[in-house]
Amino acid sequence: MAKKLNYTEAVAELEKILTELENNDEVDMNVISAKVKRAAELIEICKKQLHEIDADLEKILSDLD
């Protein structure tokens, strides 16, 4: 079973993918496709975690009222 990435790990991997794509002179469409697919997965992980944090903060703030 794959380890669940936290937000910081997902962003770090996204930055690594971006750097690899920016610094790659050879265009291998299969490699690019795989990296873009992985980047999309990482973005979804980040979005989900941000939505969860937002919901938690909204609940905390509403409990204070």
Protein backbone atom coordinates (compact mmCIF):
# COMPACT_ATOMS: atom_id res chain seq x y z
CA MET A 1 0.00 0.00 0.00
CA ALA A 2 1.37 3.40 -0.96
CA LYS A 3 2.13 5.93 1.76
CA LYS A 4 -0.31 8.82 1.87
CA LEU A 5 1.55 12.00 1.05
CA ASN A 6 1.05 15.09 3.12
CA TYR A 7 0.69 18.52 1.53
CA THR A 8 4.37 19.45 1.91
CA GLU A 9 5.55 16.18 0.35
CA ALA A 10 3.12 16.55 -2.55
CA VAL A 11 4.24 20.11 -3.26
CA ALA A 12 7.90 19.06 -3.10
CA GLU A 13 7.26 16.30 -5.62
CA LEU A 14 5.39 18.74 -7.87
CA GLU A 15 8.35 21.13 -7.75
CA LYS A 16 10.70 18.27 -8.61
CA ILE A 17 8.58 17.30 -11.62
CA LEU A 18 8.49 20.92 -12.80
CA THR A 19 12.27 21.24 -12.50
CA GLU A 20 12.78 17.98 -14.40
CA LEU A 21 10.49 19.11 -17.20
CA GLU A 22 12.07 22.56 -17.41
CA ASN A 23 15.61 21.19 -17.54
CA ASN A 24 14.99 18.35 -19.99
CA ASP A 25 16.25 19.00 -23.51
CA GLU A 26 15.06 15.65 -24.84
CA VAL A 27 11.34 15.39 -25.45
CA ASP A 28 10.12 11.89 -24.71
CA MET A 29 6.36 12.13 -24.92
CA ASN A 30 5.83 9.00 -22.78
CA VAL A 31 7.94 10.46 -19.97
CA ILE A 32 6.22 13.83 -20.23
CA SER A 33 2.82 12.17 -20.22
CA ALA A 34 3.66 10.14 -17.11
CA LYS A 35 4.99 13.22 -15.30
CA VAL A 36 1.94 15.31 -16.19
CA LYS A 37 -0.34 12.49 -15.00
CA ARG A 38 1.54 12.27 -11.70
CA ALA A 39 1.42 16.07 -11.33
CA ALA A 40 -2.36 15.97 -11.77
CA GLU A 41 -2.60 13.31 -9.03
CA LEU A 42 -0.45 15.43 -6.72
CA ILE A 43 -2.57 18.52 -7.38
CA GLU A 44 -5.68 16.55 -6.43
CA ILE A 45 -3.99 15.44 -3.19
CA CYS A 46 -3.15 19.06 -2.38
CA LYS A 47 -6.64 20.31 -3.22
CA LYS A 48 -8.26 17.63 -1.06
CA GLN A 49 -6.04 18.42 1.91
CA LEU A 50 -6.65 22.16 1.54
CA HIS A 51 -10.42 21.60 1.45
CA GLU A 52 -10.19 19.42 4.57
CA ILE A 53 -8.18 22.09 6.40
CA ASP A 54 -10.65 24.77 5.30
CA ALA A 55 -13.58 22.70 6.60
CA ASP A 56 -11.78 22.12 9.91
CA LEU A 57 -11.07 25.84 10.30
CA GLU A 58 -14.67 26.76 9.44
CA LYS A 59 -15.90 24.34 12.14
CA ILE A 60 -13.48 25.73 14.70
CA LEU A 61 -14.54 29.30 13.92
CA SER A 62 -18.24 28.45 14.04
CA ASP A 63 -17.75 26.72 17.39
CA LEU A 64 -16.24 29.92 18.76
CA ASP A 65 -19.41 31.89 18.03
